Amino acid sequence: MPKYVYKCGICPGYFEIYHGMTEDETCCPQCESEDFHRVPQMPFLKRSVEPKGGKVGNETKAAIEANRALLEDAKKEAKRSYYDDT
């Protein structure tokens, strides 16, 4: 659920309320006054930044290649293991 910031006309400060986009608050949760309004806020937009070595996909591929040998060893060990179901 989205978080909305409200300012009450009677209480000092601001307060945050989580509710759906189509829902509205009817009163202040601190003093139960109906004299409050929602404070407009800027949405958070994450900016994509390329790392020094290139694209993020290249880092993922490098990590997979580095762990490929470990994964192969784990597969071989699992095949050699004897499982006792009794």
Protein backbone atom coordinates (compact mmCIF):
# COMPACT_ATOMS: atom_id res chain seq x y z
CA MET A 1 0.00 0.00 0.00
CA PRO A 2 1.19 3.51 -0.68
CA LYS A 3 2.30 5.80 2.14
CA TYR A 4 0.74 9.27 2.30
CA VAL A 5 1.88 12.24 4.39
CA TYR A 6 -0.75 14.41 6.06
CA LYS A 7 -0.63 17.69 7.98
CA CYS A 8 -3.22 18.37 10.64
CA GLY A 9 -4.43 21.94 11.23
CA ILE A 10 -4.59 21.38 14.99
CA CYS A 11 -1.74 18.95 15.80
CA PRO A 12 1.86 20.06 15.31
CA GLY A 13 3.93 18.25 12.72
CA TYR A 14 3.15 15.73 10.04
CA PHE A 15 2.02 12.10 10.11
CA GLU A 16 2.15 9.20 7.67
CA ILE A 17 -0.72 6.87 6.82
CA TYR A 18 -0.68 3.75 4.64
CA HIS A 19 -3.86 3.25 2.63
CA GLY A 20 -5.07 2.39 -0.86
CA MET A 21 -5.05 4.93 -3.67
CA THR A 22 -8.86 5.10 -3.79
CA GLU A 23 -9.28 5.41 -0.02
CA ASP A 24 -9.42 8.67 1.93
CA GLU A 25 -8.74 9.38 5.58
CA THR A 26 -11.62 10.87 7.52
CA CYS A 27 -9.86 12.14 10.65
CA CYS A 28 -6.48 12.80 12.20
CA PRO A 29 -5.21 9.69 14.05
CA GLN A 30 -3.72 11.83 16.84
CA CYS A 31 -6.52 14.25 17.74
CA GLU A 32 -9.40 12.90 15.60
CA SER A 33 -9.88 16.33 14.03
CA GLU A 34 -11.27 16.59 10.50
CA ASP A 35 -9.08 19.65 9.79
CA PHE A 36 -6.17 18.04 7.92
CA HIS A 37 -4.88 17.74 4.37
CA ARG A 38 -2.58 15.52 2.36
CA VAL A 39 0.89 16.91 1.63
CA PRO A 40 1.92 16.49 -2.04
CA GLN A 41 5.19 14.61 -2.49
CA MET A 42 7.54 13.87 -5.37
CA PRO A 43 7.68 10.23 -6.43
CA PHE A 44 10.95 8.37 -5.96
CA LEU A 45 12.55 7.58 -9.32
CA LYS A 46 15.61 5.36 -9.29
CA ARG A 47 18.19 6.41 -11.83
CA SER A 48 20.02 3.66 -13.62
CA VAL A 49 23.77 4.07 -13.25
CA GLU A 50 26.19 1.87 -15.18
CA PRO A 51 29.00 0.40 -13.08
CA LYS A 52 32.64 0.99 -14.06
CA GLY A 53 33.12 -2.42 -15.68
CA GLY A 54 30.20 -2.05 -18.07
CA LYS A 55 26.59 -3.12 -17.86
CA VAL A 56 25.02 -4.85 -14.88
CA GLY A 57 24.44 -7.96 -17.01
CA ASN A 58 28.21 -8.30 -17.43
CA GLU A 59 28.64 -8.45 -13.64
CA THR A 60 26.00 -11.17 -13.42
CA LYS A 61 27.66 -13.22 -16.17
CA ALA A 62 31.05 -12.87 -14.45
CA ALA A 63 29.59 -14.07 -11.14
CA ILE A 64 27.98 -17.08 -12.85
CA GLU A 65 31.26 -18.02 -14.55
CA ALA A 66 33.17 -17.67 -11.27
CA ASN A 67 30.76 -20.03 -9.52
CA ARG A 68 30.33 -22.51 -12.39
CA ALA A 69 33.14 -24.77 -11.12
CA LEU A 70 31.67 -24.79 -7.61
CA LEU A 71 28.27 -25.72 -9.00
CA GLU A 72 29.73 -28.58 -11.06
CA ASP A 73 31.52 -29.95 -7.98
CA ALA A 74 28.30 -29.75 -5.98
CA LYS A 75 26.42 -31.66 -8.71
CA LYS A 76 29.06 -34.41 -8.78
CA GLU A 77 29.02 -34.69 -5.01
CA ALA A 78 25.22 -34.95 -5.00
CA LYS A 79 25.31 -37.74 -7.60
CA ARG A 80 27.93 -39.69 -5.58
CA SER A 81 26.05 -39.33 -2.31
CA TYR A 82 24.16 -42.33 -0.98
CA TYR A 83 20.75 -41.52 0.47
CA ASP A 84 19.29 -43.91 2.99
CA ASP A 85 15.48 -43.70 2.90
CA THR A 86 14.99 -46.07 5.86
